[in-house]
Amino acid sequence: MSITAAALHSDTRILVAGTGPAGLLAALALADAGFSVTLVGPEVNSGDGRTTALMNPALALLERLGVLKTLAQKSAPLKIMRIIDGTSRLLRSSPVAFRASEIGEHRFGLNIPNAIMVATLGEAVSTHLAIDWKKTLVERWELQPDIATAHLGDGSHVETKLVIAADGRLSPAREAAGISIQTHPFPQSALVLNFAHTLDHNFASTEFHTETGPFTQVPLPGRRSSLVCVVKPETAKTLAELDDDALSLHIEKQMQSMLGRINVEKGRQIYPLSTSTPKRFAHNRVALIGEAAHVFPPIGAQGLNLGIRDIVDLVEVVLQNKNDPGSAKALLTYDLKRRPDIIARTTAVNLLNRSLLSDILPAQIARSATLGILGRFAPLRAFFMREGLQPGSGFSALAGLLRRQAQTDNPSHPLQD
C-alpha cells in the first residue's frame, strides 16, 4: 500500500525520536498516512554545511509530502556520475561515466544542502496539525510489552504503541530497546566543505578513488560544488588547518583541474568514519531508521536514500498494523522487510571502501576488472544504475528485456501480450 493511498485517521499515536532529516521525514510521512505523531528533539541543525545527494526514488517521497518543489529550487540535479581511479598504484582502472540519459532519466537525483533540507522539513513539521513537536530530549525510556513511555526533559511524558528511533548512530532509543550493535571504526576521516570553481560542472559528480578512500565532488547550483574528501585522520586535520589558498590548490590538483580554479568556502567539518550494523532493526516497541539502523562510509550516495527506504517500508508496515503498530508481529515484519536491503548496501559499500585501502593485488584486480567491465558493457552499466536508484529495478528491467527479446525471436511465444 502506498503512503498516499491510505487516507486514514487513526487515534494511534506514534513517537519519533530525533530531528535530523530522517526523523523529520518520518514524522511527516506518518502524519501524511493519517497518524497522530509526537516528534521529540531540538530545533533543526541549521549549521550543517554538508549536502545530501537524494536519488529519484527518495525524491518521490519528498514530492508526496509537498516539500520537493521548495528544495529543488536550491539544489543541483545529478545527471552524470563519474568514477576515476586517482591512485598511484601500478594497476589502475579506466574512468567510468554513468549517465542518467542511458536509462531514460533526465537526472539521477538532486544534491541538496543539509541546512536547507532540515529548515524546509522543519517548517513543514511545525505547520502540520497532526504533529506535536516537543523541542526537548528523552531523558528516560520505559518500554513495556504493551506500551512505551518516553520521559522528557521538560518533565512531561508521552505514551505510545510505537517508537521510531531516528536519534542517530548512538541512538539512546536503540539502547533502551536492548538492541545490540556491531561497530567497526575505519582508519579514515571525511573532510567536508563546499567550494567555487571557474568552469561549469555540467551537473556531473566525480568520485576519485584514492589509496585512502573516495574524494568526491558533487554539484551545487551555479559554479559551486560540495566535497567529501576521505583520508587518514591526521591528514584530514592537516588539510583542515591549511589556509584557503593552499587548500584550494590541493583540491584543484586532486581534481586534475577539471573544474578550473578552485576557491574553498568558509566552513570545514571533519567526521571520523565507521560502520555500524544492529543485530535487529526493531524490538521492544522500537523500530530503527536512518543512522540508528545503519552507518557506513560516504560512498555512492547511499546513506539517507537508504534511510528514506526505511521510512517508506515502515509506514507500509504501520498501515497494515494500525491498531498496534509496535506489536511483535509488526516489528518482525519490518525487520524482515528491511534486512536484505540494509545488509546488501552496507556490505557493498564496506567492501568497496576496503578495496580502496587494500594493497593486496587480488583486491585491486577485482576492483579494476569490475570498473572496466562497467565502462565497456552498456547493459551491465544500466543494470547497476537502476539498482543504485532502487533495489530490484535493475532485475525488473532485465526481465522486461528478456521478455521482449523472447517475443521478437518467437512472435507466437506464450509471453506475448
Protein backbone atom coordinates (compact mmCIF):
# COMPACT_ATOMS: atom_id res chain seq x y z
CA MET A 1 0.00 0.00 0.00
CA SER A 2 1.41 3.42 -0.89
CA ILE A 3 1.62 6.23 1.61
CA THR A 4 -0.68 8.50 -0.38
CA ALA A 5 -3.24 5.73 -0.95
CA ALA A 6 -4.10 5.50 2.73
CA ALA A 7 -6.41 8.32 3.78
CA LEU A 8 -6.66 7.05 7.35
CA HIS A 9 -7.41 8.87 10.55
CA SER A 10 -6.16 6.83 13.48
CA ASP A 11 -6.13 7.54 17.19
CA THR A 12 -2.85 5.64 17.41
CA ARG A 13 -0.07 7.99 18.47
CA ILE A 14 3.43 7.28 17.22
CA LEU A 15 6.55 8.82 18.73
CA VAL A 16 9.51 9.79 16.55
CA ALA A 17 12.77 10.47 18.41
CA GLY A 18 15.26 12.65 16.53
CA THR A 19 15.05 15.82 14.43
CA GLY A 20 17.61 15.10 11.74
CA PRO A 21 16.37 14.62 8.15
CA ALA A 22 15.27 11.02 8.79
CA GLY A 23 13.26 11.93 11.89
CA LEU A 24 11.58 14.91 10.26
CA LEU A 25 10.68 12.89 7.17
CA ALA A 26 9.36 10.00 9.27
CA ALA A 27 7.11 12.37 11.23
CA LEU A 28 5.75 13.93 8.03
CA ALA A 29 5.23 10.55 6.31
CA LEU A 30 3.38 9.07 9.28
CA ALA A 31 1.23 12.17 9.67
CA ASP A 32 0.50 12.08 5.93
CA ALA A 33 -0.64 8.48 6.40
CA GLY A 34 -3.21 9.61 8.95
CA PHE A 35 -1.46 9.00 12.28
CA SER A 36 -1.01 11.34 15.22
CA VAL A 37 2.71 11.91 15.72
CA THR A 38 4.79 13.23 18.59
CA LEU A 39 8.22 14.35 17.42
CA VAL A 40 10.82 14.70 20.17
CA GLY A 41 14.05 16.56 19.57
CA PRO A 42 15.64 20.03 19.49
CA GLU A 43 15.37 22.65 16.77
CA VAL A 44 16.91 21.59 13.48
CA ASN A 45 20.66 21.96 12.99
CA SER A 46 20.98 24.97 10.70
CA GLY A 47 24.79 24.91 10.91
CA ASP A 48 25.36 21.69 8.98
CA GLY A 49 27.41 22.63 5.91
CA ARG A 50 27.17 19.19 4.30
CA THR A 51 24.98 18.25 1.35
CA THR A 52 22.99 15.11 0.63
CA ALA A 53 22.52 13.54 -2.79
CA LEU A 54 18.99 12.12 -2.89
CA MET A 55 18.13 9.81 -5.76
CA ASN A 56 14.85 9.93 -7.70
CA PRO A 57 13.02 7.23 -5.67
CA ALA A 58 13.80 9.14 -2.47
CA LEU A 59 12.69 12.39 -4.09
CA ALA A 60 9.33 10.75 -4.82
CA LEU A 61 8.61 10.73 -1.08
CA LEU A 62 9.57 14.40 -0.76
CA GLU A 63 7.22 15.22 -3.62
CA ARG A 64 4.34 13.34 -1.98
CA LEU A 65 4.97 15.26 1.20
CA GLY A 66 4.87 18.60 -0.64
CA VAL A 67 8.42 19.77 0.04
CA LEU A 68 10.30 18.83 -3.13
CA LYS A 69 9.47 21.98 -5.13
CA THR A 70 11.00 24.25 -2.48
CA LEU A 71 14.12 22.08 -2.15
CA ALA A 72 14.63 21.67 -5.89
CA GLN A 73 14.93 25.42 -6.34
CA LYS A 74 18.03 25.46 -4.13
CA SER A 75 19.60 22.18 -5.24
CA ALA A 76 21.53 20.88 -8.23
CA PRO A 77 20.48 17.94 -10.42
CA LEU A 78 22.83 14.96 -10.81
CA LYS A 79 22.92 13.99 -14.48
CA ILE A 80 26.32 12.30 -14.71
CA MET A 81 28.23 10.30 -12.10
CA ARG A 82 31.88 9.52 -12.85
CA ILE A 83 34.37 7.23 -11.17
CA ILE A 84 38.06 7.98 -11.75
CA ASP A 85 40.94 5.92 -10.40
CA GLY A 86 43.05 8.52 -8.63
CA THR A 87 45.50 6.08 -7.08
CA SER A 88 49.18 5.91 -7.92
CA ARG A 89 49.16 2.10 -7.96
CA LEU A 90 50.53 0.11 -10.86
CA LEU A 91 47.14 -1.45 -11.59
CA ARG A 92 44.63 1.31 -12.31
CA SER A 93 41.16 1.14 -13.80
CA SER A 94 39.81 3.25 -16.66
CA PRO A 95 37.34 6.06 -15.89
CA VAL A 96 33.66 5.11 -15.91
CA ALA A 97 30.78 7.54 -16.56
CA PHE A 98 27.18 6.78 -15.62
CA ARG A 99 24.66 8.98 -17.45
CA ALA A 100 21.04 9.25 -16.37
CA SER A 101 20.01 9.53 -20.01
CA GLU A 102 21.25 5.95 -20.59
CA ILE A 103 18.33 4.65 -18.53
CA GLY A 104 15.76 7.16 -19.73
CA GLU A 105 16.07 9.53 -16.77
CA HIS A 106 16.76 13.27 -17.01
CA ARG A 107 18.63 13.09 -13.71
CA PHE A 108 19.67 10.56 -11.07
CA GLY A 109 18.60 12.87 -8.27
CA LEU A 110 19.35 16.17 -6.54
CA ASN A 111 22.25 17.33 -4.36
CA ILE A 112 20.57 19.23 -1.52
CA PRO A 113 22.31 21.38 1.13
CA ASN A 114 21.55 19.83 4.52
CA ALA A 115 20.81 23.16 6.20
CA ILE A 116 18.18 23.98 3.57
CA MET A 117 16.72 20.48 3.75
CA VAL A 118 16.21 20.44 7.52
CA ALA A 119 14.92 24.02 7.55
CA THR A 120 12.30 23.17 4.90
CA LEU A 121 11.31 19.92 6.61
CA GLY A 122 11.24 21.64 10.00
CA GLU A 123 8.84 24.27 8.66
CA ALA A 124 6.58 21.57 7.24
CA VAL A 125 6.58 19.72 10.57
CA SER A 126 5.82 22.90 12.52
CA THR A 127 2.72 23.65 10.45
CA HIS A 128 1.33 20.09 10.30
CA LEU A 129 -1.71 19.76 12.54
CA ALA A 130 -1.14 16.04 13.19
CA ILE A 131 2.41 16.54 14.56
CA ASP A 132 3.15 17.65 18.11
CA TRP A 133 6.81 18.73 18.22
CA LYS A 134 8.30 18.51 21.72
CA LYS A 135 11.52 20.52 21.45
CA THR A 136 13.34 18.67 24.20
CA LEU A 137 15.12 15.33 24.66
CA VAL A 138 14.05 11.97 26.03
CA GLU A 139 15.70 11.57 29.42
CA ARG A 140 14.48 8.04 30.08
CA TRP A 141 12.69 5.28 28.17
CA GLU A 142 10.26 2.86 29.80
CA LEU A 143 9.48 0.01 27.39
CA GLN A 144 6.80 -2.47 28.42
CA PRO A 145 5.18 -5.31 26.42
CA ASP A 146 2.05 -3.29 25.60
CA ILE A 147 3.20 0.33 25.77
CA ALA A 148 6.30 2.54 25.55
CA THR A 149 6.73 5.66 27.66
CA ALA A 150 9.17 8.47 26.96
CA HIS A 151 10.05 10.64 29.95
CA LEU A 152 11.06 14.01 28.55
CA GLY A 153 13.48 16.67 29.67
CA ASP A 154 10.67 19.19 30.20
CA GLY A 155 9.13 16.96 32.88
CA SER A 156 6.32 15.59 30.72
CA HIS A 157 5.92 12.08 29.34
CA VAL A 158 4.48 10.52 26.20
CA GLU A 159 2.90 7.08 25.89
CA THR A 160 2.94 5.34 22.54
CA LYS A 161 2.47 1.97 20.88
CA LEU A 162 5.49 2.54 18.63
CA VAL A 163 8.77 4.43 18.92
CA ILE A 164 10.65 5.39 15.76
CA ALA A 165 14.33 5.67 16.64
CA ALA A 166 15.77 8.34 14.36
CA ASP A 167 18.13 9.55 17.05
CA GLY A 168 21.43 8.85 15.30
CA ARG A 169 24.27 6.38 15.37
CA LEU A 170 24.50 6.43 19.18
CA SER A 171 20.69 6.03 19.47
CA PRO A 172 19.52 6.03 23.13
CA ALA A 173 16.19 4.52 21.99
CA ARG A 174 18.00 1.60 20.37
CA GLU A 175 19.99 1.03 23.54
CA ALA A 176 16.84 1.17 25.68
CA ALA A 177 15.26 -1.47 23.43
CA GLY A 178 18.17 -3.80 24.13
CA ILE A 179 19.29 -3.95 20.51
CA SER A 180 22.99 -4.72 20.32
CA ILE A 181 25.12 -3.24 17.57
CA GLN A 182 28.37 -4.20 15.88
CA THR A 183 30.62 -1.24 15.15
CA HIS A 184 33.92 -1.17 13.29
CA PRO A 185 35.94 2.08 13.07
CA PHE A 186 37.91 2.79 9.92
CA PRO A 187 41.34 4.46 9.83
CA GLN A 188 39.71 7.30 7.91
CA SER A 189 38.06 10.66 8.40
CA ALA A 190 35.98 12.70 5.97
CA LEU A 191 36.83 16.34 5.41
CA VAL A 192 33.66 18.06 4.18
CA LEU A 193 33.38 21.51 2.62
CA ASN A 194 31.96 23.50 -0.31
CA PHE A 195 33.93 25.32 -2.99
CA ALA A 196 33.51 27.57 -6.01
CA HIS A 197 35.14 26.89 -9.38
CA THR A 198 35.67 28.72 -12.66
CA LEU A 199 34.42 26.01 -15.04
CA ASP A 200 30.91 24.56 -15.27
CA HIS A 201 30.36 21.19 -13.62
CA ASN A 202 27.60 20.37 -16.15
CA PHE A 203 25.71 18.66 -13.31
CA ALA A 204 28.33 15.91 -13.11
CA SER A 205 29.57 14.35 -9.88
CA THR A 206 33.07 12.87 -9.87
CA GLU A 207 34.30 10.30 -7.37
CA PHE A 208 38.07 9.87 -7.38
CA HIS A 209 39.18 6.60 -5.82
CA THR A 210 42.38 7.11 -3.85
CA GLU A 211 44.50 4.92 -1.59
CA THR A 212 42.85 6.46 1.48
CA GLY A 213 39.25 6.47 0.26
CA PRO A 214 36.97 8.38 -2.10
CA PHE A 215 37.46 12.03 -2.98
CA THR A 216 34.01 13.06 -4.19
CA GLN A 217 32.84 16.28 -5.84
CA VAL A 218 29.08 16.80 -6.15
CA PRO A 219 27.50 19.75 -8.00
CA LEU A 220 25.67 22.62 -6.32
CA PRO A 221 23.74 25.41 -8.06
CA GLY A 222 25.94 27.66 -10.17
CA ARG A 223 29.67 27.12 -10.38
CA ARG A 224 29.83 25.59 -6.93
CA SER A 225 30.29 22.04 -5.63
CA SER A 226 30.41 20.14 -2.37
CA LEU A 227 33.35 17.93 -1.46
CA VAL A 228 33.78 14.82 0.68
CA CYS A 229 37.47 14.02 0.99
CA VAL A 230 38.19 10.72 2.79
CA VAL A 231 41.75 10.49 4.11
CA LYS A 232 43.66 9.37 7.19
CA PRO A 233 42.51 11.21 10.34
CA GLU A 234 45.84 13.04 10.72
CA THR A 235 45.71 14.11 7.06
CA ALA A 236 42.17 15.45 7.47
CA LYS A 237 43.33 17.56 10.40
CA THR A 238 46.33 18.86 8.44
CA LEU A 239 44.19 19.75 5.42
CA ALA A 240 41.57 21.48 7.57
CA GLU A 241 44.28 23.68 9.08
CA LEU A 242 45.58 24.89 5.70
CA ASP A 243 44.79 28.45 4.65
CA ASP A 244 42.18 28.93 1.92
CA ASP A 245 44.68 29.35 -0.92
CA ALA A 246 46.70 26.27 -0.01
CA LEU A 247 43.62 24.06 0.43
CA SER A 248 42.10 25.37 -2.81
CA LEU A 249 45.28 24.47 -4.68
CA HIS A 250 45.34 21.00 -3.11
CA ILE A 251 41.74 20.32 -4.22
CA GLU A 252 42.43 21.66 -7.71
CA LYS A 253 45.40 19.31 -8.13
CA GLN A 254 43.45 16.35 -6.75
CA MET A 255 40.69 17.07 -9.26
CA GLN A 256 43.21 17.34 -12.11
CA SER A 257 41.97 20.92 -12.72
CA MET A 258 38.79 19.59 -14.39
CA LEU A 259 36.76 22.44 -12.84
CA GLY A 260 39.38 25.12 -13.32
CA ARG A 261 40.46 27.37 -10.48
CA ILE A 262 39.14 26.35 -7.04
CA ASN A 263 38.20 28.65 -4.17
CA VAL A 264 37.13 26.94 -0.94
CA GLU A 265 34.32 28.48 1.06
CA LYS A 266 34.15 29.02 4.80
CA GLY A 267 33.19 26.10 6.99
CA ARG A 268 35.19 22.89 7.17
CA GLN A 269 33.94 19.82 9.01
CA ILE A 270 35.69 16.55 9.89
CA TYR A 271 33.83 13.29 10.56
CA PRO A 272 35.53 10.05 11.69
CA LEU A 273 34.33 7.08 9.63
CA SER A 274 33.00 3.78 10.89
CA THR A 275 30.46 1.13 10.05
CA SER A 276 27.66 0.01 12.38
CA THR A 277 25.01 -2.66 11.97
CA PRO A 278 22.47 -3.57 14.69
CA LYS A 279 21.60 -7.18 15.41
CA ARG A 280 17.99 -6.43 14.52
CA PHE A 281 16.12 -3.42 13.15
CA ALA A 282 13.16 -3.46 15.52
CA HIS A 283 12.48 -4.79 19.02
CA ASN A 284 10.57 -3.95 22.21
CA ARG A 285 8.27 -1.42 20.51
CA VAL A 286 11.19 0.40 18.89
CA ALA A 287 11.85 0.49 15.12
CA LEU A 288 15.18 1.81 13.82
CA ILE A 289 15.59 4.12 10.84
CA GLY A 290 18.44 6.20 9.42
CA GLU A 291 21.77 6.13 11.23
CA ALA A 292 20.21 4.32 14.17
CA ALA A 293 19.82 1.40 11.72
CA HIS A 294 22.91 1.69 9.50
CA VAL A 295 26.18 3.60 9.36
CA PHE A 296 28.81 3.21 6.64
CA PRO A 297 31.34 5.32 4.69
CA PRO A 298 30.06 8.06 2.35
CA ILE A 299 30.37 6.15 -0.93
CA GLY A 300 27.81 6.06 -3.73
CA ALA A 301 25.21 8.38 -2.12
CA GLN A 302 23.55 5.63 -0.08
CA GLY A 303 23.06 7.00 3.46
CA LEU A 304 19.81 9.00 3.60
CA ASN A 305 18.50 7.24 0.48
CA LEU A 306 18.60 4.02 2.48
CA GLY A 307 17.00 5.85 5.42
CA ILE A 308 14.13 7.01 3.24
CA ARG A 309 13.53 3.43 2.15
CA ASP A 310 13.39 2.59 5.88
CA ILE A 311 10.64 5.19 6.26
CA VAL A 312 8.62 4.06 3.24
CA ASP A 313 8.71 0.41 4.33
CA LEU A 314 7.95 1.28 7.95
CA VAL A 315 4.91 3.37 7.04
CA GLU A 316 3.56 0.48 4.97
CA VAL A 317 4.01 -1.89 7.91
CA VAL A 318 2.35 0.59 10.28
CA LEU A 319 -0.63 0.94 7.93
CA GLN A 320 -1.02 -2.84 7.89
CA ASN A 321 -0.93 -2.94 11.71
CA LYS A 322 -2.58 0.38 12.57
CA ASN A 323 -4.27 -0.87 15.75
CA ASP A 324 -0.93 -1.87 17.27
CA PRO A 325 1.98 -0.80 15.02
CA GLY A 326 4.53 -1.67 17.69
CA SER A 327 3.43 -5.26 18.19
CA ALA A 328 5.96 -8.07 17.95
CA LYS A 329 4.38 -9.17 14.66
CA ALA A 330 4.63 -5.70 13.12
CA LEU A 331 8.22 -5.20 14.22
CA LEU A 332 9.24 -8.62 12.91
CA THR A 333 7.66 -7.76 9.56
CA TYR A 334 9.61 -4.51 9.41
CA ASP A 335 12.86 -6.25 10.38
CA LEU A 336 12.47 -8.88 7.66
CA LYS A 337 11.45 -6.26 5.12
CA ARG A 338 14.48 -4.04 5.68
CA ARG A 339 17.17 -6.62 6.43
CA PRO A 340 18.08 -7.66 2.83
CA ASP A 341 18.38 -4.07 1.58
CA ILE A 342 20.37 -2.79 4.56
CA ILE A 343 22.75 -5.74 4.69
CA ALA A 344 23.33 -5.70 0.93
CA ARG A 345 24.04 -1.95 0.76
CA THR A 346 26.20 -1.92 3.87
CA THR A 347 28.23 -4.90 2.65
CA ALA A 348 28.73 -3.43 -0.83
CA VAL A 349 29.89 -0.04 0.45
CA ASN A 350 32.21 -1.56 3.05
CA LEU A 351 33.76 -3.94 0.51
CA LEU A 352 34.41 -1.11 -1.93
CA ASN A 353 35.93 1.03 0.80
CA ARG A 354 38.15 -1.83 1.98
CA SER A 355 39.25 -2.49 -1.60
CA LEU A 356 40.49 1.10 -1.84
CA LEU A 357 42.53 0.69 1.34
CA SER A 358 43.92 -2.71 0.40
CA ASP A 359 47.35 -3.14 -1.14
CA ILE A 360 46.59 -6.80 -1.87
CA LEU A 361 46.84 -7.38 -5.61
CA PRO A 362 43.74 -9.64 -5.98
CA ALA A 363 41.56 -6.91 -4.45
CA GLN A 364 42.98 -4.35 -6.86
CA ILE A 365 42.48 -6.69 -9.81
CA ALA A 366 38.86 -7.37 -8.83
CA ARG A 367 38.03 -3.65 -8.45
CA SER A 368 39.79 -2.72 -11.70
CA ALA A 369 38.14 -5.55 -13.64
CA THR A 370 34.67 -4.65 -12.34
CA LEU A 371 35.02 -0.99 -13.30
CA GLY A 372 36.48 -1.98 -16.65
CA ILE A 373 33.51 -4.20 -17.48
CA LEU A 374 31.06 -1.48 -16.39
CA GLY A 375 32.81 1.01 -18.63
CA ARG A 376 32.67 -1.21 -21.71
CA PHE A 377 29.37 -3.07 -21.32
CA ALA A 378 26.38 -0.69 -21.50
CA PRO A 379 23.64 -3.19 -20.48
CA LEU A 380 25.52 -4.07 -17.28
CA ARG A 381 26.15 -0.40 -16.61
CA ALA A 382 22.43 0.29 -16.99
CA PHE A 383 21.63 -2.60 -14.63
CA PHE A 384 23.88 -1.15 -11.92
CA MET A 385 22.47 2.34 -12.40
CA ARG A 386 18.92 1.11 -11.94
CA GLU A 387 19.86 -0.99 -8.91
CA GLY A 388 21.65 2.03 -7.44
CA LEU A 389 18.47 4.06 -7.71
CA GLN A 390 16.04 1.41 -6.49
CA PRO A 391 16.76 -2.18 -5.36
CA GLY A 392 15.16 -4.66 -7.72
CA SER A 393 14.61 -2.20 -10.58
CA GLY A 394 17.65 -3.49 -12.46
CA PHE A 395 16.32 -7.04 -12.30
CA SER A 396 12.86 -5.85 -13.40
CA ALA A 397 14.33 -4.05 -16.42
CA LEU A 398 16.42 -7.11 -17.27
CA ALA A 399 13.38 -9.38 -17.07
CA GLY A 400 11.48 -6.99 -19.34
CA LEU A 401 14.33 -7.01 -21.85
CA LEU A 402 14.42 -10.80 -21.90
CA ARG A 403 10.65 -10.94 -22.30
CA ARG A 404 10.73 -8.55 -25.27
CA GLN A 405 13.60 -10.48 -26.81
CA ALA A 406 11.64 -13.73 -26.50
CA GLN A 407 8.66 -12.12 -28.20
CA THR A 408 10.86 -10.84 -31.03
CA ASP A 409 12.50 -14.22 -31.57
CA ASN A 410 9.21 -16.08 -31.40
CA PRO A 411 6.07 -13.98 -32.11
CA SER A 412 3.83 -16.85 -31.00
CA HIS A 413 5.65 -17.22 -27.67
CA PRO A 414 3.22 -17.52 -24.72
CA LEU A 415 4.83 -14.50 -23.08
CA GLN A 416 3.44 -12.27 -25.82
CA ASP A 417 0.67 -9.92 -24.69
